[in-house]
Protein backbone atom coordinates (compact mmCIF):
# COMPACT_ATOMS: atom_id res chain seq x y z
CA UNK A 1 1.64 -24.34 44.66
CA UNK A 2 4.86 -25.25 42.97
CA UNK A 3 7.12 -22.71 41.24
CA UNK A 4 8.69 -24.62 38.38
CA UNK A 5 8.41 -25.23 34.66
CA UNK A 6 7.32 -28.74 33.73
CA UNK A 7 7.04 -31.76 35.99
CA UNK A 8 3.70 -32.98 37.34
CA UNK A 9 2.04 -31.75 40.49
CA UNK A 10 -1.09 -33.49 39.20
CA UNK A 11 -0.45 -37.07 40.29
CA UNK A 12 0.81 -35.95 43.72
CA UNK A 13 -2.41 -34.02 44.32
CA UNK A 14 -4.58 -36.86 43.04
CA UNK A 15 -2.86 -39.37 45.31
CA UNK A 16 -3.33 -37.10 48.34
CA UNK A 17 -7.02 -36.57 47.54
CA UNK A 18 -7.60 -40.31 47.07
CA UNK A 19 -5.76 -41.33 50.24
CA UNK A 20 -7.58 -38.74 52.34
CA UNK A 21 -11.02 -39.86 51.14
CA UNK A 22 -11.82 -36.58 49.38
CA UNK A 23 -13.56 -38.04 46.34
CA UNK A 24 -15.40 -37.07 44.16
CA UNK A 25 -13.30 -34.08 43.03
CA UNK A 26 -14.05 -31.26 40.61
CA UNK A 27 -10.85 -30.36 38.73
CA UNK A 28 -11.03 -26.96 37.02
CA UNK A 29 -8.77 -26.08 34.08
CA UNK A 30 -8.45 -23.15 31.71
CA UNK A 31 -8.48 -25.35 28.60
CA UNK A 32 -9.79 -28.87 28.04
CA UNK A 33 -6.55 -29.61 26.19
CA UNK A 34 -5.08 -30.13 29.66
CA UNK A 35 -7.88 -32.48 30.70
CA UNK A 36 -6.46 -35.49 28.88
CA UNK A 37 -3.13 -35.15 30.68
CA UNK A 38 -5.00 -35.13 33.98
CA UNK A 39 -6.95 -38.21 32.85
CA UNK A 40 -3.72 -40.07 32.05
CA UNK A 41 -2.49 -39.40 35.59
CA UNK A 42 -5.81 -40.62 37.02
CA UNK A 43 -5.41 -43.94 35.19
CA UNK A 44 -2.21 -44.61 37.16
CA UNK A 45 -4.24 -44.44 40.38
CA UNK A 46 -7.33 -46.34 39.10
CA UNK A 47 -9.48 -43.23 39.37
CA UNK A 48 -12.47 -42.83 37.04
CA UNK A 49 -12.54 -39.61 35.00
CA UNK A 50 -15.20 -37.54 33.26
CA UNK A 51 -14.13 -34.70 30.95
CA UNK A 52 -17.07 -32.32 30.87
CA UNK A 53 -17.55 -29.63 28.20
CA UNK A 54 -19.73 -26.55 27.86
CA UNK A 55 -22.76 -26.07 25.65
CA UNK A 56 -20.81 -25.14 22.52
CA UNK A 57 -19.12 -28.55 22.38
CA UNK A 58 -21.78 -30.72 23.98
CA UNK A 59 -25.01 -29.42 22.41
CA UNK A 60 -26.31 -31.60 19.53
CA UNK A 61 -29.03 -29.23 18.30
CA UNK A 62 -28.55 -29.14 14.53
CA UNK A 63 -29.24 -25.42 14.23
CA UNK A 64 -26.52 -22.90 13.41
CA UNK A 65 -27.48 -20.62 16.29
CA UNK A 66 -25.87 -19.31 19.46
CA UNK A 67 -26.13 -22.53 21.46
CA UNK A 68 -25.58 -20.91 24.83
CA UNK A 69 -28.57 -18.58 24.56
CA UNK A 70 -30.64 -21.14 22.64
CA UNK A 71 -30.25 -23.61 25.51
CA UNK A 72 -31.07 -21.00 28.15
CA UNK A 73 -34.19 -19.77 26.34
CA UNK A 74 -35.49 -22.96 24.69
CA UNK A 75 -34.33 -25.92 26.75
CA UNK A 76 -37.79 -26.78 28.11
CA UNK A 77 -39.00 -27.07 24.51
CA UNK A 78 -35.87 -29.05 23.52
CA UNK A 79 -36.59 -32.80 23.11
CA UNK A 80 -32.96 -33.64 23.95
CA UNK A 81 -33.20 -31.88 27.33
CA UNK A 82 -36.51 -33.58 28.17
CA UNK A 83 -35.09 -36.98 27.24
CA UNK A 84 -32.28 -36.62 29.80
CA UNK A 85 -34.80 -37.56 32.50
CA UNK A 86 -36.02 -40.59 30.52
CA UNK A 87 -32.58 -41.98 29.70
CA UNK A 88 -30.52 -44.37 31.83
CA UNK A 89 -27.49 -42.54 33.22
CA UNK A 90 -24.26 -43.92 31.70
CA UNK A 91 -21.81 -45.64 34.03
CA UNK A 92 -18.08 -44.89 33.83
CA UNK A 93 -15.68 -47.81 34.01
CA UNK A 94 -12.49 -45.75 33.93
CA UNK A 95 -12.93 -42.91 31.41
CA UNK A 96 -15.59 -40.88 29.63
CA UNK A 97 -15.47 -37.55 27.82
CA UNK A 98 -18.02 -35.29 26.20
CA UNK A 99 -17.26 -36.75 22.75
CA UNK A 100 -18.39 -40.18 23.91
CA UNK A 101 -21.57 -38.70 25.37
CA UNK A 102 -22.25 -36.77 22.15
CA UNK A 103 -21.86 -39.96 20.13
CA UNK A 104 -24.28 -41.83 22.38
CA UNK A 105 -26.71 -38.90 22.45
CA UNK A 106 -27.06 -38.84 18.67
CA UNK A 107 -28.44 -42.36 18.70
CA UNK A 108 -30.44 -42.19 21.96
CA UNK A 109 -31.68 -38.58 21.70
CA UNK A 110 -30.63 -37.09 25.05
CA UNK A 111 -28.74 -33.86 25.83
CA UNK A 112 -25.03 -34.59 26.45
CA UNK A 113 -24.49 -31.25 28.23
CA UNK A 114 -27.01 -31.89 31.01
CA UNK A 115 -26.21 -35.61 31.12
CA UNK A 116 -22.65 -34.64 32.12
CA UNK A 117 -24.09 -33.27 35.36
CA UNK A 118 -25.67 -36.63 36.23
CA UNK A 119 -22.73 -38.93 35.49
CA UNK A 120 -20.71 -40.02 38.54
CA UNK A 121 -16.89 -40.09 38.42
CA UNK A 122 -14.06 -39.88 40.91
CA UNK A 123 -12.60 -36.89 39.03
CA UNK A 124 -14.64 -34.49 36.88
CA UNK A 125 -12.51 -32.17 34.75
CA UNK A 126 -14.09 -29.06 33.27
CA UNK A 127 -13.39 -25.47 32.28
CA UNK A 128 -13.22 -22.72 34.94
CA UNK A 129 -16.36 -21.10 33.54
CA UNK A 130 -18.65 -24.09 33.04
CA UNK A 131 -21.61 -24.23 35.45
CA UNK A 132 -21.17 -26.47 38.53
CA UNK A 133 -24.26 -28.43 39.48
CA UNK A 134 -23.01 -31.49 41.40
CA UNK A 135 -21.70 -32.08 44.90
CA UNK A 136 -17.94 -32.53 45.28
CA UNK A 137 -15.86 -33.15 48.39
CA UNK A 138 -12.99 -31.08 47.00
CA UNK A 139 -12.42 -28.54 44.24
CA UNK A 140 -9.03 -28.18 42.55
CA UNK A 141 -8.30 -25.01 40.58
CA UNK A 142 -5.39 -25.96 38.33
CA UNK A 143 -2.99 -23.29 37.06
CA UNK A 144 -4.76 -20.80 39.29
CA UNK A 145 -2.53 -17.97 38.05
CA UNK A 146 -4.88 -17.82 35.03
CA UNK A 147 -7.62 -16.23 37.11
CA UNK A 148 -5.32 -13.24 37.66
CA UNK A 149 -5.40 -12.63 33.90
CA UNK A 150 -8.26 -10.53 32.49
CA UNK A 151 -10.47 -12.78 30.40
CA UNK A 152 -10.30 -11.69 26.74
CA UNK A 153 -13.35 -11.82 24.43
CA UNK A 154 -13.14 -10.82 20.76
CA UNK A 155 -15.79 -9.30 18.48
CA UNK A 156 -15.41 -8.14 14.82
CA UNK A 157 -15.78 -4.37 14.63
CA UNK A 158 -17.78 -4.58 11.37
CA UNK A 159 -20.48 -6.65 13.09
CA UNK A 160 -21.46 -3.57 15.10
CA UNK A 161 -23.24 -2.34 11.96
CA UNK A 162 -25.42 -5.47 12.02
CA UNK A 163 -26.25 -4.90 15.70
CA UNK A 164 -27.13 -1.27 14.87
CA UNK A 165 -29.50 -2.38 12.11
CA UNK A 166 -31.18 -4.98 14.34
CA UNK A 167 -31.77 -2.36 17.04
CA UNK A 168 -33.18 0.21 14.60
CA UNK A 169 -35.58 -2.33 13.12
CA UNK A 170 -36.89 -3.71 16.40
CA UNK A 171 -36.46 -1.28 19.29
CA UNK A 172 -37.43 2.26 20.24
CA UNK A 173 -35.48 5.16 18.71
CA UNK A 174 -34.17 6.12 22.13
CA UNK A 175 -32.42 2.73 22.34
CA UNK A 176 -30.95 3.34 18.89
CA UNK A 177 -29.57 6.71 20.02
CA UNK A 178 -27.86 5.06 23.01
CA UNK A 179 -26.18 2.58 20.67
CA UNK A 180 -25.13 5.36 18.26
CA UNK A 181 -23.48 7.19 21.16
CA UNK A 182 -21.59 3.98 21.96
CA UNK A 183 -20.51 3.63 18.30
CA UNK A 184 -19.08 7.16 18.25
CA UNK A 185 -17.20 6.55 21.49
CA UNK A 186 -15.64 3.25 20.46
CA UNK A 187 -14.58 4.69 17.08
CA UNK A 188 -12.89 7.78 18.48
CA UNK A 189 -11.90 6.91 22.04
CA UNK A 190 -10.69 3.40 21.12
CA UNK A 191 -10.89 2.30 24.80
CA UNK A 192 -14.06 2.47 26.94
CA UNK A 193 -15.80 0.64 29.78
CA UNK A 194 -19.19 -1.00 29.11
CA UNK A 195 -21.19 0.62 31.91
CA UNK A 196 -20.15 4.12 30.79
CA UNK A 197 -22.57 3.69 27.87
CA UNK A 198 -24.93 0.78 28.58
CA UNK A 199 -27.04 0.26 31.70
CA UNK A 200 -28.95 -2.87 32.73
CA UNK A 201 -32.16 -1.56 31.08
CA UNK A 202 -30.45 -1.30 27.68
CA UNK A 203 -28.89 -4.77 28.02
CA UNK A 204 -32.26 -6.23 29.06
CA UNK A 205 -33.72 -4.80 25.84
CA UNK A 206 -31.03 -6.63 23.87
CA UNK A 207 -31.66 -9.86 25.77
CA UNK A 208 -35.32 -9.52 24.84
CA UNK A 209 -34.26 -9.26 21.20
CA UNK A 210 -32.09 -12.32 21.66
CA UNK A 211 -35.09 -14.26 22.96
CA UNK A 212 -37.05 -13.17 19.87
CA UNK A 213 -34.30 -14.08 17.38
CA UNK A 214 -32.67 -17.02 19.19
CA UNK A 215 -33.47 -19.38 16.29
CA UNK A 216 -32.34 -16.95 13.57
CA UNK A 217 -28.93 -18.15 12.32
CA UNK A 218 -27.18 -14.85 11.63
CA UNK A 219 -28.83 -12.63 14.24
CA UNK A 220 -28.52 -15.22 17.01
CA UNK A 221 -24.78 -15.75 16.65
CA UNK A 222 -23.85 -12.07 16.28
CA UNK A 223 -26.15 -10.84 19.05
CA UNK A 224 -25.05 -13.67 21.35
CA UNK A 225 -21.36 -12.77 20.94
CA UNK A 226 -22.16 -9.10 21.52
CA UNK A 227 -24.09 -9.79 24.74
CA UNK A 228 -21.20 -11.87 26.10
CA UNK A 229 -18.90 -8.95 25.34
CA UNK A 230 -21.16 -6.40 27.03
CA UNK A 231 -20.64 -7.50 30.63
CA UNK A 232 -20.35 -5.24 33.65
CA UNK A 233 -16.87 -3.76 34.23
CA UNK A 234 -15.52 -5.08 30.91
CA UNK A 235 -12.96 -2.81 29.25
CA UNK A 236 -13.34 -2.60 25.46
CA UNK A 237 -10.37 -1.83 23.23
CA UNK A 238 -10.11 -1.70 19.42
CA UNK A 239 -7.20 -3.80 18.17
CA UNK A 240 -6.75 -4.28 14.40
CA UNK A 241 -10.42 -4.17 13.31
CA UNK A 242 -11.58 -6.18 16.33
CA UNK A 243 -13.02 -5.16 19.66
CA UNK A 244 -11.29 -7.00 22.48
CA UNK A 245 -13.14 -7.09 25.77
CA UNK A 246 -11.01 -7.44 28.91
CA UNK A 247 -13.11 -8.83 31.74
CA UNK A 248 -11.34 -8.15 35.08
CA UNK A 249 -10.57 -10.57 37.87
CA UNK A 250 -13.37 -10.94 40.39
CA UNK A 251 -12.69 -11.42 44.12
CA UNK A 252 -11.64 -15.05 44.55
CA UNK A 253 -14.43 -17.11 46.09
CA UNK A 254 -13.49 -20.46 47.57
CA UNK A 255 -15.30 -23.34 49.24
CA UNK A 256 -14.14 -25.69 51.98
CA UNK A 257 -11.53 -28.09 50.61
CA UNK A 258 -10.52 -25.80 47.73
CA UNK A 259 -7.01 -26.51 46.45
CA UNK A 260 -5.17 -24.14 44.13
CA UNK A 261 -2.26 -25.41 42.03
CA UNK A 262 0.16 -23.33 40.00
CA UNK A 263 3.72 -23.25 38.76
CA UNK A 264 3.58 -19.46 38.28
CA UNK A 265 3.29 -17.38 41.43
CA UNK A 266 4.68 -14.10 42.74
CA UNK A 267 4.62 -12.98 46.36
CA UNK A 268 2.66 -9.85 45.46
CA UNK A 269 -0.25 -12.14 44.50
CA UNK A 270 -0.62 -13.38 48.10
CA UNK A 271 -2.59 -10.29 49.09
CA UNK A 272 -5.39 -11.21 46.66
CA UNK A 273 -6.01 -14.64 48.24
CA UNK A 274 -8.52 -15.19 51.05
CA UNK A 275 -6.82 -14.66 54.42
CA UNK A 276 -7.69 -18.21 55.51
CA UNK A 277 -5.66 -19.72 52.70
CA UNK A 278 -2.46 -21.62 53.47
CA UNK A 279 0.30 -21.44 50.87
CA UNK A 280 2.75 -24.32 50.37
CA UNK A 281 5.74 -23.60 48.12
CA UNK A 282 8.14 -26.15 46.67
CA UNK A 283 11.54 -24.75 45.71
CA UNK A 284 13.15 -26.02 42.51
CA UNK A 285 15.95 -23.44 42.49
CA UNK A 286 18.53 -25.93 41.16
CA UNK A 287 16.51 -26.49 38.02
CA UNK A 288 16.17 -22.95 36.68
CA UNK A 289 17.06 -22.09 33.07
CA UNK A 290 19.65 -19.42 32.26
CA UNK A 291 18.38 -16.04 31.15
CA UNK A 292 19.63 -12.56 30.30
CA UNK A 293 18.01 -9.14 30.08
CA UNK A 294 18.87 -6.86 27.16
CA UNK A 295 19.22 -3.38 28.59
CA UNK A 296 19.34 -1.32 25.39
CA UNK A 297 15.97 -2.36 23.92
CA UNK A 298 12.38 -1.64 24.90
CA UNK A 299 8.91 -1.86 23.34
CA UNK A 300 7.57 0.85 25.68
CA UNK A 301 4.92 2.72 23.68
CA UNK A 302 6.61 6.12 23.71
CA UNK A 303 10.06 4.69 22.90
CA UNK A 304 9.14 2.10 20.28
CA UNK A 305 9.89 4.30 17.27
CA UNK A 306 11.55 3.65 13.91
CA UNK A 307 15.03 3.76 15.44
CA UNK A 308 14.11 1.23 18.15
CA UNK A 309 12.46 -1.04 15.59
CA UNK A 310 15.72 -1.07 13.62
CA UNK A 311 17.66 -1.97 16.77
CA UNK A 312 15.36 -4.91 17.37
CA UNK A 313 15.73 -5.95 13.74
CA UNK A 314 19.52 -5.95 14.06
CA UNK A 315 19.28 -8.02 17.23
CA UNK A 316 17.10 -10.66 15.57
CA UNK A 317 19.30 -10.89 12.46
CA UNK A 318 22.53 -11.14 14.49
CA UNK A 319 21.02 -13.77 16.77
CA UNK A 320 19.89 -15.85 13.80
CA UNK A 321 23.36 -15.70 12.23
CA UNK A 322 25.04 -16.65 15.50
CA UNK A 323 22.58 -19.41 16.40
CA UNK A 324 22.77 -20.97 12.90
CA UNK A 325 20.48 -24.01 12.78
CA UNK A 326 19.13 -23.66 16.33
CA UNK A 327 15.41 -23.29 17.00
CA UNK A 328 14.61 -19.71 18.05
CA UNK A 329 11.14 -19.18 19.53
CA UNK A 330 10.09 -15.51 19.72
CA UNK A 331 7.03 -14.30 21.63
CA UNK A 332 5.69 -10.75 21.38
CA UNK A 333 2.54 -8.70 21.09
CA UNK A 334 0.94 -8.31 17.68
CA UNK A 335 1.79 -4.60 17.88
CA UNK A 336 5.49 -5.49 18.05
CA UNK A 337 5.72 -8.62 15.90
CA UNK A 338 4.12 -6.97 12.86
CA UNK A 339 7.42 -5.19 12.15
CA UNK A 340 9.48 -8.40 12.07
CA UNK A 341 7.27 -11.01 10.39
CA UNK A 342 9.51 -11.00 7.29
CA UNK A 343 12.37 -12.29 9.48
CA UNK A 344 10.38 -15.33 10.64
CA UNK A 345 10.41 -18.79 9.11
CA UNK A 346 7.10 -19.49 10.86
CA UNK A 347 4.51 -17.02 12.16
CA UNK A 348 1.46 -18.24 14.13
CA UNK A 349 1.37 -21.53 12.16
CA UNK A 350 -1.83 -23.58 12.02
CA UNK A 351 0.14 -26.45 13.55
CA UNK A 352 3.60 -26.59 15.13
CA UNK A 353 5.87 -28.72 12.88
CA UNK A 354 7.66 -31.47 14.82
CA UNK A 355 11.11 -30.83 13.34
CA UNK A 356 10.94 -27.09 12.85
CA UNK A 357 14.10 -24.97 12.50
CA UNK A 358 14.93 -21.27 12.26
CA UNK A 359 12.76 -18.54 13.80
CA UNK A 360 9.18 -19.07 14.90
CA UNK A 361 7.19 -16.01 16.03
CA UNK A 362 4.07 -16.39 18.19
CA UNK A 363 1.74 -13.94 19.91
CA UNK A 364 2.47 -13.61 23.62
CA UNK A 365 -1.19 -13.98 24.59
CA UNK A 366 -2.19 -16.08 21.59
CA UNK A 367 -3.36 -19.66 21.23
CA UNK A 368 0.15 -21.10 21.70
CA UNK A 369 1.03 -19.12 24.82
CA UNK A 370 -0.10 -21.89 27.19
CA UNK A 371 -0.80 -25.60 27.29
CA UNK A 372 1.41 -26.72 24.39
CA UNK A 373 4.91 -28.13 24.13
CA UNK A 374 7.18 -26.29 21.67
CA UNK A 375 10.79 -27.55 21.96
CA UNK A 376 13.27 -24.74 21.30
CA UNK A 377 16.92 -23.92 21.91
CA UNK A 378 16.40 -20.20 22.50
CA UNK A 379 13.28 -18.40 23.75
CA UNK A 380 13.06 -14.64 23.19
CA UNK A 381 10.42 -12.44 24.83
CA UNK A 382 10.35 -9.50 22.44
CA UNK A 383 9.29 -6.75 24.81
CA UNK A 384 7.44 -6.88 28.14
CA UNK A 385 3.96 -8.20 27.22
CA UNK A 386 1.95 -5.56 29.04
CA UNK A 387 -1.67 -4.98 28.09
CA UNK A 388 -2.28 -1.73 26.14
CA UNK A 389 -1.76 1.34 28.41
CA UNK A 390 -5.36 2.53 28.09
CA UNK A 391 -6.62 -0.93 29.09
CA UNK A 392 -4.30 -1.04 32.10
CA UNK A 393 -5.48 2.39 33.23
CA UNK A 394 -9.15 1.43 32.98
CA UNK A 395 -8.66 -1.95 34.65
CA UNK A 396 -6.71 -0.33 37.49
CA UNK A 397 -9.59 2.07 38.20
CA UNK A 398 -12.08 -0.81 38.14
CA UNK A 399 -9.98 -2.85 40.59
CA UNK A 400 -9.73 0.18 42.89
CA UNK A 401 -13.52 0.58 42.89
CA UNK A 402 -13.84 -3.14 43.67
CA UNK A 403 -11.72 -2.60 46.79
CA UNK A 404 -8.51 -4.31 45.66
CA UNK A 405 -5.29 -2.97 47.13
CA UNK A 406 -2.39 -2.36 44.74
CA UNK A 407 -4.75 -2.24 41.77
CA UNK A 408 -1.93 -1.22 39.40
CA UNK A 409 -0.03 -4.46 40.02
CA UNK A 410 -3.21 -6.43 39.42
CA UNK A 411 -3.88 -4.61 36.13
CA UNK A 412 -0.33 -4.32 34.78
CA UNK A 413 2.58 -6.08 36.50
CA UNK A 414 1.05 -9.43 37.44
CA UNK A 415 -0.48 -10.18 33.99
CA UNK A 416 2.80 -9.19 32.31
CA UNK A 417 4.94 -11.45 34.51
CA UNK A 418 2.52 -14.38 34.22
CA UNK A 419 2.46 -14.04 30.43
CA UNK A 420 6.26 -13.97 30.34
CA UNK A 421 6.61 -17.20 32.31
CA UNK A 422 3.82 -18.91 30.37
CA UNK A 423 5.64 -18.19 27.11
CA UNK A 424 8.96 -19.45 28.47
CA UNK A 425 7.22 -22.57 29.76
CA UNK A 426 6.17 -23.60 26.24
CA UNK A 427 9.76 -24.64 25.56
CA UNK A 428 10.24 -26.19 28.98
CA UNK A 429 7.36 -28.55 29.61
CA UNK A 430 9.95 -31.18 30.52
CA UNK A 431 12.63 -30.23 33.12
CA UNK A 432 15.22 -31.89 30.86
CA UNK A 433 14.62 -29.18 28.27
CA UNK A 434 17.00 -26.27 28.98
CA UNK A 435 16.51 -23.46 26.44
CA UNK A 436 18.40 -20.19 26.81
CA UNK A 437 16.08 -17.31 27.67
CA UNK A 438 16.47 -13.75 26.33
CA UNK A 439 14.27 -11.06 27.86
CA UNK A 440 14.54 -8.38 25.19
CA UNK A 441 13.31 -5.34 27.10
CA UNK A 442 15.20 -3.19 29.61
CA UNK A 443 12.07 -2.93 31.77
CA UNK A 444 12.59 -6.52 32.94
CA UNK A 445 15.41 -5.11 35.07
CA UNK A 446 12.74 -3.83 37.50
CA UNK A 447 11.47 -7.36 38.07
CA UNK A 448 14.69 -9.29 38.70
CA UNK A 449 13.61 -10.23 42.24
CA UNK A 450 10.34 -11.74 41.00
CA UNK A 451 11.91 -13.50 38.02
CA UNK A 452 14.87 -14.85 39.98
CA UNK A 453 12.59 -17.47 41.54
CA UNK A 454 12.30 -19.01 38.08
CA UNK A 455 15.40 -17.96 36.10
CA UNK A 456 19.16 -17.64 36.60
CA UNK A 457 19.58 -14.09 35.31
CA UNK A 458 23.02 -13.10 34.05
CA UNK A 459 25.06 -13.32 30.85
CA UNK A 460 24.51 -16.24 28.49
CA UNK A 461 26.10 -17.46 25.29
CA UNK A 462 23.59 -18.38 22.61
């Protein structure tokens, strides 16, 4: 584990694994965007690399259906799956990714997804959640702090009406009444837990429907997304016409020769690791960016009123005037940013312009919160990025039932601190980049000890 922003722990770990004879290695990442960086480091050590994708990217079935469920229910009838066992397994010289397999599969007629599991490579890079079917001498979980974040799954609220219609047309009235009870609860309570309304019998009924309609374009995709949302212990919360499912952390299971890497770690997280785990920390205290905490602002739900919104508005305007042509990168929750979008030059852009100037506003847990490089002169965290209070409360109760100690930290504090450092890290992928950091929420004052491992906290001049 290495507590810094930027730099590469990747090549050091790869060299150690190679020299100790621990190949082949499974390298797990949150996003395949990071896989190509890992591949570039492997090239320096003459290690062969396979970047392996899930069904959504690797399946070549030409049907507009939910590919995950289609593959599970129909793979033995799928000619591409059957041809895997009749096709010569591709050999890797130095590099192969799922795109190359997909291209070859279209001409030779095999399934790229299952072929990935047969291809040999020194390093196989794949997503945390993709199935693991091969033998590896070591498993590396990169950016392991991500598994302390509840996994978020979105579903359009309006699509619940389609699910309701499908149930009424195909299942018993008693099943329909269960779903209607769920609809009332999610509309009026706003935040619920799946198992409070659906048991395994109900979900099995829906899976039976999915089997029946797996080749129906519209039904398959909507019902598939809904079934992925309806998982045990998932907290559901309505946020701007969408249901967001928060799937909690599960107890960390490791195998012999499991290595966890991260640049974002807090001592309170140690208690959630297996007792047999050995932690190695590398101190980069001389390379910390300067930061300050604003003590007169907060986005706390009860205090974030019209007056506080105006105070934040004044702060942003004054900072822009003082910073002039500097690049100001502002992260915040959608709940907060909606009041200040008119002050932004860029808001959640489709692509990050190379030579951008002014104010760019991005969602704290959005698509740009991790894995991208966004050079900036000033980074502002507009409010502590806690999950919604109702979600935190529900997650905390779930963690308590699961036997976790300090369930509140696991549900609230740890995800907030991780999100904060991930956002700051977007402007500091390279240690040479030294943006000024402004933590615009007085609540950060409670976490100075934790943040001081990463930031010099004091007064700064922007």
